[in-house]
Protein backbone atom coordinates (compact mmCIF):
# COMPACT_ATOMS: atom_id res chain seq x y z
CA MET A 1 -6.13 81.92 127.92
CA ALA A 2 -6.57 80.68 124.41
CA SER A 3 -9.75 81.73 122.71
CA THR A 4 -11.89 79.35 120.65
CA ALA A 5 -12.94 80.67 117.30
CA ILE A 6 -16.65 80.40 116.61
CA PRO A 7 -17.49 79.81 112.94
CA SER A 8 -19.59 82.57 111.52
CA LEU A 9 -22.89 81.98 109.75
CA GLU A 10 -21.12 82.53 106.44
CA THR A 11 -18.65 79.77 107.31
CA ARG A 12 -21.32 77.23 108.28
CA GLN A 13 -23.83 77.98 105.54
CA PRO A 14 -22.01 76.35 102.59
CA GLU A 15 -21.69 73.07 104.52
CA HIS A 16 -25.38 73.19 105.42
CA TRP A 17 -26.53 73.79 101.86
CA ASP A 18 -23.99 71.46 100.17
CA ARG A 19 -25.13 68.34 102.03
CA PRO A 20 -28.41 67.85 100.08
CA ARG A 21 -26.60 68.55 96.82
CA GLU A 22 -23.90 65.99 97.63
CA GLU A 23 -26.50 63.39 98.60
CA ALA A 24 -28.40 64.06 95.38
CA GLU A 25 -25.24 63.68 93.32
CA GLN A 26 -24.40 60.41 95.05
CA LEU A 27 -27.90 59.11 94.43
CA ALA A 28 -27.79 60.12 90.77
CA SER A 29 -24.35 58.59 90.27
CA ALA A 30 -25.64 55.27 91.61
CA LEU A 31 -28.42 55.21 89.01
CA PRO A 32 -27.20 53.81 85.70
CA PRO A 33 -27.54 56.42 82.92
CA LEU A 34 -29.19 53.91 80.62
CA LEU A 35 -31.90 53.32 83.24
CA VAL A 36 -32.54 57.06 83.38
CA GLU A 37 -32.94 57.09 79.60
CA ALA A 38 -35.22 54.05 79.74
CA GLU A 39 -37.40 55.64 82.44
CA ARG A 40 -37.70 58.79 80.38
CA LEU A 41 -38.78 56.69 77.43
CA THR A 42 -41.26 54.75 79.55
CA SER A 43 -42.86 57.85 81.05
CA GLY A 44 -44.06 58.92 77.62
CA ILE A 45 -45.44 55.51 76.68
CA TRP A 46 -46.94 54.12 79.88
CA LEU A 47 -50.13 52.40 78.78
CA GLY A 48 -51.42 51.36 82.20
CA VAL A 49 -51.82 47.96 83.74
CA HIS A 50 -52.72 45.56 80.94
CA GLY A 51 -55.60 43.49 82.27
CA ARG A 52 -56.21 39.92 81.18
CA ARG A 53 -59.91 40.65 80.60
CA LYS A 54 -61.25 37.47 82.13
CA ALA A 55 -62.53 36.43 85.51
CA GLY A 56 -60.10 35.15 88.09
CA ILE A 57 -58.01 36.00 91.13
CA GLY A 58 -57.50 39.73 91.51
CA GLU A 59 -58.66 42.91 93.17
CA THR A 60 -60.00 44.89 90.19
CA PHE A 61 -63.76 44.79 89.67
CA TRP A 62 -64.73 43.44 86.25
CA GLN A 63 -68.47 42.80 86.03
CA PHE A 64 -71.70 41.57 87.67
CA ARG A 65 -73.28 38.40 86.35
CA ARG A 66 -76.26 36.24 87.27
CA TYR A 67 -75.74 33.72 90.05
CA ARG A 68 -75.21 30.09 88.98
CA VAL A 69 -75.76 26.93 91.02
CA GLU A 70 -72.04 26.14 91.14
CA ASP A 71 -71.15 29.58 92.59
CA PRO A 72 -70.38 29.74 96.34
CA SER A 73 -72.66 31.87 98.44
CA THR A 74 -69.70 34.04 99.45
CA ALA A 75 -69.45 35.28 95.85
CA ILE A 76 -72.94 36.85 95.94
CA ASP A 77 -73.07 40.64 95.94
CA TRP A 78 -76.09 41.25 98.17
CA ARG A 79 -76.22 45.00 97.62
CA GLN A 80 -76.45 44.59 93.83
CA SER A 81 -78.88 41.70 94.21
CA ALA A 82 -81.19 43.80 96.38
CA LYS A 83 -81.75 46.16 93.45
CA SER A 84 -83.20 43.42 91.28
CA ARG A 85 -85.32 40.29 91.32
CA HIS A 86 -82.20 38.26 90.48
CA VAL A 87 -79.13 37.27 92.46
CA PHE A 88 -75.82 38.63 91.16
CA VAL A 89 -72.20 37.61 91.61
CA ARG A 90 -69.40 40.16 91.61
CA GLU A 91 -66.49 39.06 89.40
CA ARG A 92 -62.95 40.36 89.56
CA GLU A 93 -60.48 40.56 86.72
CA TRP A 94 -57.70 38.00 86.64
CA GLU A 95 -54.43 39.70 87.55
CA ALA A 96 -52.03 36.86 88.24
CA ALA A 97 -48.47 38.06 87.74
CA GLU A 98 -46.48 36.51 84.92
CA THR A 99 -42.75 36.17 84.41
CA VAL A 100 -40.87 37.74 81.53
CA TRP A 101 -37.24 36.74 81.01
CA PHE A 102 -34.76 38.99 79.20
CA TRP A 103 -31.62 38.28 77.19
CA ARG A 104 -29.74 41.32 75.93
CA ASP A 105 -26.82 40.53 73.62
CA ALA A 106 -23.73 42.61 74.41
CA SER A 107 -21.16 40.60 72.47
CA ALA A 108 -18.50 42.10 70.22
CA SER A 109 -20.74 42.65 67.20
CA MET A 110 -23.22 44.60 69.33
CA ARG A 111 -20.57 47.15 70.35
CA TYR A 112 -20.73 49.01 67.09
CA ALA A 113 -22.06 52.36 65.93
CA SER A 114 -21.35 53.70 62.46
CA LEU A 115 -22.18 57.31 63.36
CA LYS A 116 -21.70 59.52 66.40
CA ALA A 117 -25.38 60.41 66.24
CA VAL A 118 -26.51 56.84 66.89
CA PRO A 119 -25.83 54.68 69.97
CA GLU A 120 -23.96 51.43 69.92
CA LYS A 121 -26.30 48.52 69.37
CA TRP A 122 -25.86 47.11 72.88
CA GLU A 123 -26.83 50.49 74.36
CA ARG A 124 -30.09 50.65 72.40
CA ALA A 125 -30.79 47.02 73.30
CA THR A 126 -30.23 47.87 76.97
CA VAL A 127 -32.55 50.89 76.88
CA LEU A 128 -35.32 48.87 75.23
CA SER A 129 -34.88 46.04 77.73
CA LEU A 130 -35.06 48.35 80.73
CA ALA A 131 -37.95 50.39 79.34
CA LEU A 132 -40.02 47.27 78.71
CA ALA A 133 -39.05 45.88 82.12
CA SER A 134 -40.19 49.14 83.70
CA LEU A 135 -43.59 48.88 82.00
CA LEU A 136 -43.95 45.27 83.14
CA THR A 137 -42.99 45.93 86.76
CA ARG A 138 -45.48 48.80 86.89
CA ALA A 139 -48.09 46.25 85.85
CA GLY A 140 -47.07 44.00 88.74
CA GLU A 141 -45.23 41.40 86.67
CA ARG A 142 -42.01 39.58 87.47
CA ILE A 143 -38.86 40.08 85.42
CA GLY A 144 -35.76 37.93 85.20
CA LEU A 145 -32.40 38.21 83.49
CA LEU A 146 -31.01 35.07 81.90
CA GLY A 147 -27.44 34.19 82.78
CA THR A 148 -27.39 35.76 86.25
CA GLY A 149 -28.72 32.78 88.20
CA ALA A 150 -31.08 35.06 90.11
CA PRO A 151 -34.78 34.14 90.28
CA PRO A 152 -37.32 36.49 88.69
CA SER A 153 -38.81 39.15 90.92
CA SER A 154 -40.98 42.25 90.72
CA GLY A 155 -40.87 45.88 91.78
CA ARG A 156 -38.38 48.72 91.56
CA ILE A 157 -35.61 46.76 93.24
CA ALA A 158 -35.74 44.11 90.53
CA LEU A 159 -35.52 46.83 87.88
CA ARG A 160 -32.54 48.48 89.58
CA ARG A 161 -30.68 45.18 89.82
CA MET A 162 -31.34 44.49 86.17
CA ALA A 163 -30.16 47.99 85.22
CA HIS A 164 -26.85 47.66 87.07
CA ARG A 165 -26.14 44.31 85.43
CA LEU A 166 -27.02 45.42 81.90
CA SER A 167 -25.28 48.80 82.13
CA GLN A 168 -21.93 47.21 82.94
CA PRO A 169 -21.28 44.53 80.28
CA ARG A 170 -18.32 42.27 80.79
CA GLU A 171 -15.35 42.27 78.43
CA GLU A 172 -16.35 38.92 76.96
CA GLU A 173 -20.12 38.50 76.72
CA PRO A 174 -21.76 35.39 75.23
CA ASP A 175 -23.74 36.09 72.07
CA LEU A 176 -26.41 33.42 72.64
CA PRO A 177 -28.71 32.92 75.64
CA PRO A 178 -27.99 30.00 77.96
CA ASP A 179 -30.29 27.01 78.32
CA LEU A 180 -32.91 27.44 81.00
CA HIS A 181 -35.92 25.32 81.80
CA MET A 182 -38.73 27.84 82.08
CA LYS A 183 -42.22 27.20 83.35
CA ARG A 184 -45.02 27.26 80.83
CA GLN A 185 -46.71 30.60 80.29
CA CYS A 186 -43.40 32.34 80.86
CA GLU A 187 -42.27 34.78 78.21
CA MET A 188 -38.86 35.74 76.92
CA VAL A 189 -37.53 38.84 75.16
CA TRP A 190 -34.33 38.22 73.20
CA ILE A 191 -32.68 41.40 71.86
CA SER A 192 -29.67 41.02 69.56
CA ASP A 193 -28.36 41.87 66.10
CA PHE A 194 -28.70 38.15 65.27
CA LEU A 195 -25.52 38.12 63.20
CA GLN A 196 -24.50 34.76 64.60
CA PRO A 197 -24.49 31.71 62.29
CA LEU A 198 -28.04 30.75 61.40
CA ASP A 199 -27.70 27.19 62.65
CA SER A 200 -26.62 28.46 66.09
CA ILE A 201 -29.56 30.86 66.28
CA GLU A 202 -32.03 28.17 65.22
CA ALA A 203 -30.68 25.65 67.73
CA ALA A 204 -30.83 28.12 70.63
CA LEU A 205 -34.32 29.24 69.64
CA LYS A 206 -35.63 25.69 69.49
CA ARG A 207 -34.22 24.87 72.93
CA LEU A 208 -35.91 27.91 74.47
CA ALA A 209 -39.21 27.35 72.65
CA TYR A 210 -39.37 23.68 73.58
CA SER A 211 -38.89 24.60 77.24
CA GLY A 212 -42.41 26.03 77.14
CA ALA A 213 -41.77 29.75 76.82
CA HIS A 214 -43.33 32.14 74.35
CA GLY A 215 -40.93 34.74 73.09
CA TYR A 216 -40.11 37.84 71.13
CA LEU A 217 -37.00 38.44 69.03
CA VAL A 218 -35.92 42.05 68.51
CA GLN A 219 -33.20 42.59 65.92
CA ILE A 220 -31.11 45.70 66.51
CA ILE A 221 -29.70 47.12 63.27
CA ASP A 222 -27.11 49.85 62.74
CA PRO A 223 -28.02 51.91 59.64
CA ALA A 224 -24.68 51.14 57.96
CA GLU A 225 -25.29 47.41 58.33
CA GLU A 226 -28.51 47.63 56.35
CA ASP A 227 -27.73 50.44 53.90
CA PHE A 228 -24.04 49.69 53.22
CA PRO A 229 -23.08 53.32 52.42
CA PHE A 230 -19.37 52.58 51.91
CA THR A 231 -17.51 53.62 48.77
CA GLY A 232 -13.92 53.46 47.59
CA ARG A 233 -11.22 51.60 49.48
CA ALA A 234 -12.59 50.26 52.78
CA ARG A 235 -11.28 47.91 55.45
CA PHE A 236 -13.84 45.75 57.26
CA GLU A 237 -12.54 44.35 60.52
CA ALA A 238 -14.00 41.17 61.97
CA ARG A 239 -13.41 39.31 65.21
CA THR A 240 -10.45 37.50 63.72
CA ILE A 241 -7.74 38.70 61.33
CA ARG A 242 -8.63 35.84 58.99
CA ASP A 243 -12.12 37.28 58.46
CA THR A 244 -10.94 40.89 57.99
CA ALA A 245 -11.39 42.13 54.42
CA VAL A 246 -10.05 45.08 52.41
CA LEU A 247 -12.05 46.17 49.37
CA GLY A 248 -10.68 48.46 46.68
CA ARG A 249 -14.15 49.61 45.58
CA ALA A 250 -16.66 48.81 48.30
CA GLU A 251 -19.63 50.01 46.25
CA THR A 252 -19.21 47.08 43.84
CA VAL A 253 -20.34 44.56 46.48
CA LYS A 254 -23.27 46.61 47.85
CA ALA A 255 -25.98 44.73 45.93
CA SER A 256 -24.72 41.27 46.86
CA TYR A 257 -24.17 42.34 50.47
CA ARG A 258 -27.72 43.65 50.74
CA ARG A 259 -29.14 40.40 49.38
CA ARG A 260 -27.17 38.30 51.87
CA TYR A 261 -28.00 40.58 54.80
CA ASP A 262 -31.73 40.60 54.00
CA ALA A 263 -31.74 36.82 53.49
CA HIS A 264 -30.06 36.32 56.87
CA SER A 265 -32.57 38.57 58.64
CA ASP A 266 -35.51 36.93 56.87
CA ALA A 267 -34.26 33.49 57.93
CA VAL A 268 -34.20 34.57 61.59
CA GLY A 269 -37.78 35.81 61.25
CA GLN A 270 -38.82 32.48 59.75
CA PHE A 271 -37.19 30.59 62.63
CA ALA A 272 -39.23 32.67 65.09
CA ARG A 273 -42.51 32.14 63.28
CA ARG A 274 -41.99 28.38 63.07
CA VAL A 275 -41.97 28.08 66.85
CA GLY A 276 -44.76 30.64 67.34
CA TRP A 277 -42.55 33.54 68.45
CA SER A 278 -42.69 37.16 67.28
CA PHE A 279 -39.94 38.92 65.34
CA LEU A 280 -39.35 42.69 65.26
CA ARG A 281 -36.65 44.78 63.62
CA HIS A 282 -35.33 48.12 64.91
CA ARG A 283 -32.71 50.51 63.52
CA THR A 284 -30.67 52.57 65.94
CA ASP A 285 -31.28 55.73 63.90
CA HIS A 286 -35.02 55.40 64.56
CA SER A 287 -36.86 56.39 67.72
CA PRO A 288 -36.72 53.75 70.46
CA ALA A 289 -40.30 54.68 71.36
CA THR A 290 -41.53 53.12 68.13
CA ALA A 291 -39.85 49.81 68.94
CA LEU A 292 -41.08 49.86 72.55
CA ILE A 293 -44.70 50.45 71.52
CA ALA A 294 -44.50 47.68 68.92
CA LEU A 295 -42.93 45.24 71.38
CA TYR A 296 -45.36 46.06 74.19
CA GLY A 297 -48.25 45.75 71.78
CA ALA A 298 -46.97 42.40 70.51
CA ILE A 299 -46.87 41.05 74.05
CA GLY A 300 -50.43 42.18 74.73
CA GLY A 301 -51.68 40.79 71.43
CA ALA A 302 -50.00 37.42 71.89
CA ARG A 303 -51.45 37.08 75.40
CA ALA A 304 -54.94 37.89 74.14
CA GLN A 305 -54.66 35.17 71.49
CA ARG A 306 -53.47 32.65 74.07
CA GLY A 307 -56.34 33.57 76.41
CA PHE A 308 -54.39 34.94 79.38
């Protein structure tokens, strides 16, 4: 009679202990690396839920105030009123969720890094987008990604969907955001190197601003683009062969290049200010935390000025 071999404990143990490791590896592989980097950046900057600091619909207690004739009787806090000769109303802080739309440029000019120590521009733009989106979703706000056709939503699922889309750019990505009619009081974060023709940038910005949104432009800069460290014979490749240039002594054009680059960047900033938007600049050889704090602070400051 044939005997059936019984696996020993040593035979079964590796399978038992490998299963959690395999599941963990599968879970980690499904999480886009750029989202992991963004979450790490966010964890060191989390500033808490940014309240609107005015009365309205919400669950967070704000203040007690004296009862007024127009207040409903249901708003009276009887326990607080019993401690005084006056009648008090309990007010809550306004916490209505807002919508923030994102446009992250991943076109050909954004896929550039002059040094191994710095990320490509589209990667830094993606990390900043996801880090800011993570802060906003923690505060209960809705996020949306232009160009996907999906409505804005909130929570971790919305962040994961956004991460998978941004971490896998298509071969041919548009360099300007599409037209979208946004509701008033919506906000938009547009992250790009803004090396497109100025008239195209201005036209797209006006369309978005006139739709009722308030926005923030973040220019991503590679250090070589701003410093122009090239010397000697250098070949500069563009999108088309016609625009490719070969210079015998690159250092001779550094001054004129810097003037044109700065003028272009200044013009983009002026476009933003004309329509009431904010403009920030960030170099990829600088800490992304600095840009995230500045951008998050700009959003809070602009909301305070607008009164919501």
